[in-house]
Amino acid sequence: MEEDELELAAGLEAALELAPAVQAAIEQVFPSQDPLDRADFNAVEYINTLFPTEQSLANIDEVVNKIRLKIRRLDDNIRTVVRGQTNVGQDGRQALEEAQKAIQQLFGKIKDIKDKAEKSEQMVKEITRDIKQLDHAKRHLTTSITTLNHLHMLAGGVDSLEVKAAQNELGQQILADFEEAFPSQGTKRPGGPSNVLRDACLVANVLDPRIKQEIIKKFIKQHLSEYLVLFQENQDVAWLDKIDRRYAWIKRQLVDYEEKYGRMFPPEWCMTERIAVEFCHVTRTELAKIMRTRAKEIEVKLLLFAIQRTTNFEGLLAKRFSGCTLADGTVKKPEVPPPSTNPFLEDETGTETDEIVIEKSDMDKPKKPKVPDNPFHGIVSKCFEPHLYVYIESQDKNLGELIDRFVADFKAQGPPKPNVDEGGAVLPSCADLFVYYKKCMVQCSQLSTGEPMIALTTIFQKYLREYAWKILSGNLPKTTSSSGGLTITSLLKEKEGSEVAKFTVEELCLICSILSTAEYCLATTQQLEEKLKEKVDASLVERINLTGEMDTFSIVISNSIQLLVQDLDAACDPALTAMSKMQWQNVEHVGDQSPYVTSVILHIKQNVPIIRDNLASTRKYFTQFCIKFANSFIPKFINHLFKCKPISMVGAEQLLLDTHSLKMVLLDLPSIGSQVVRKAPASYTKIVVKGMTRAEMILKVVMAPHELPVVFVDNYIKLLADCSTDTFQKILDMKGLKRSEQSSMLDLFRQRLPAPPSGVENAGSLSLSAPTPEQESSRIRKLEKLIKKRL
């Protein structure tokens, strides 16, 4: 029995061996980790795996039961599958029969579709047969129409050529008639067929325009042939001094033409104007040629004479003709811009000797557009432009002589007298210079608006600068020290206690006169620039720039104001020096203002009214003078105030009274000594109040008790808002504190300083407010001390 089972197992094992590909496919479809499902299953190894030791045989019954259970489940599964496959064959046959029926039905439908397609194809053939016939008919019809059009064009072309030939023949006949009536050589016939020629001109109007142009060209050439002979380059009458004869000749010719041939040509041909225009072109060419040949003989008077006569002739043409034929020539009639409705536009028709208006309000007015009323301008005179350098050189020489005459007149006549009623005297040479400038500008613009105007502008710039330096800056009174600098002489005089030299009334008036003249030149130069830009060609406007010259006059104004400030400032120096040398600790009572205050006020009352009256026409510069004086005097006063040490309580009160007196005088400075009281400008008042209030705060800090150091330091920081240890040191010196006391005060001061803002170093030199004028001039004062010590 066991042998039979082994044989059966071996047979089954042999029967169950599958091909590797089949086995791989089964594993891919039914993956399993069970050893019983492996193709290389080994029963012995499997049993050894289940029972690896003898002790494991104790569970053999349990293992056998599990295997039997698994066998029964496999048998059930196999049985179910086998039973499920019993009806597969019958179902397959039924499905095959149904597929065969469906195929038969499909063949039937395909046959029907094929039959319908054949019928459709037959129908399409019938339709396309008709369309092809229509296409052939359309193609033939298009070809016929094109042929007919070509035939029509050919017939029309033949007719047109016949007419054209007739017109050409008629045109040549008309030209021959004119050649016969007006031969190119010889004199004109006194009596030609004028009626026939007049009709011929009317016929030429409807022929080819070239026939008309040929008639006009030949007639004008024949009419001007005598002119070319009479005024050949080698003839005496061809030179510029006899240029009038050229224009007299054409006038006679135009009168002769009007009498003899005026009615022969149609009016729309404008033959009189055409003759005049061609004469201008020929004259311009001939004059340019002869001037190139005899350029060395051209003088200014001769050139201006020729230009004047030529421009007069061009003006005569503008009165006589409209300029309608200029479109055919080199000169075109410019378009006239629409008239402006602004009644405030400046009129350009004034005489050459009119002065340029200098009022600032006129600078802001819109400029009237230039209206070119002469379409013939430049048609002849253009030839003189290459030779205008002679005129420019002449103006350069004349202006140089004019400046030299101004210098000589100033030296001979001396400075202008004070002119208080008119608010200061402007040098008369200034007006003379700009009147001459305008005359040159107008004259040159009539000659040319191109490069010569640029050259003239360069000459203007040159002599504006010379006038500024030779006449204005060169005549300013000289001082012993310049602004911001010192000389040994001034320091020695101050050390010796001598009075500083002051300007006389005449010198003050001269400075004010030069300042007013510089302001006049500044405003007038700006208007001169605008006028030059109006006169010059639009393409050259950017090259007109007088900014440098205006800056030069601004420098003269600034220097003049600085001289006035220096003079008054230097006059007050002895009084301030006297203030710093007084024994303020010995003052026993407070009285009226101190003598040094009276001295300062006296100098102010002497200078300021003279300056104000002579600058009445330039109030803004008088205001600048007041501001600059305040910015110079107040820091100097504070600096001398620090030198007043030690100061007693009574002395500080006296100084506070003096400071208040000076403050009131400075606030009243712009109108001091004037019958008309005007409110001082806000900008000036702000400077005085800020500076003198600082001086008062310094004295108030000096008067404050210092027994409580913390209170004193806080009071100082509150009143002065100045965190500089130098200033605090000066305050302590004024109070007369000992060095030991000062040292403790300084340490406390550094401790009580407010914290500096982030990113700011050197908190000890930090100021809570903007830099004061005193701080700005501190370096100069230190330099003064150093030089004085060495002397």
Foldseek 3Di string as FASTA:
>chain_A
DVVVVVVVVVVVLVVPQDDPVVLVVCCVVPPDPDLVSDNPRDPVVVVCVQPVDPVSCVCVVVVVVVVVVVVVVVVVVVVVVVVVCPCVVVVVVVVVVVVVVVVVVVVVVVVVVVVVVVVVVVVVVVVVVVVVVVVVVVVVVVVVVVVVVVVVVVVVVVVVVVVLVVLVVLLVVLVVLLCVQQPQDDDGDPDGPLVVLLVSQVVCVPGDVVSVVVSLVSVLNSLCVVVCVQQPLPDPCVDLVNVVVLLVVLVVSLVVCCVRPVNSHDVVVVSSLVSVLVSLQVNQVSHLVSCVVPVVPDAPVSLLVSLVSVVVSLVVSLVVDVQPPCVVDDQHQDDFDDFDPDPPEDDPPDDLQDFDDLDPVVVPDDHGADGPSGSSQCSRLVSCVVSCVNVLVVVLVVLVVLLVVLLVCCVVVDFDDQDLVVQAAAPPSLRVVRSVVSNVLVSVLSNDQEVVLLSNLVSVLVSLLVCLVRVQVVPQDDAQAAPPGDDPVVLVCVVVLHAGDADDLRNLSRLLNSLVNLSSSLSVVVVVLVVSLSSHDVVCNVSRDNVVSSVSSVVSNVRSLRSLLVRLLSQLVSLLVVVLPDQQQPDDAADAADVSLVSSLVSLLVRLVSSCSNNVVPVVSNLVSLQVNLLVNLLVSLVSVLSNPAHDLRSLVNVLNSLVVVLVCSQQSNQPPHPDGDHRDPVSNVSSCVSSQLSNLLSVLLNDDCPPLLVSLVSNCVRNQFLALVSVVSSVRHNVDDPVVSVVSSVSNVVPQDDDDPPDPDSSRDGRDPDGSNVVCVVVVVVSVVVSVVD
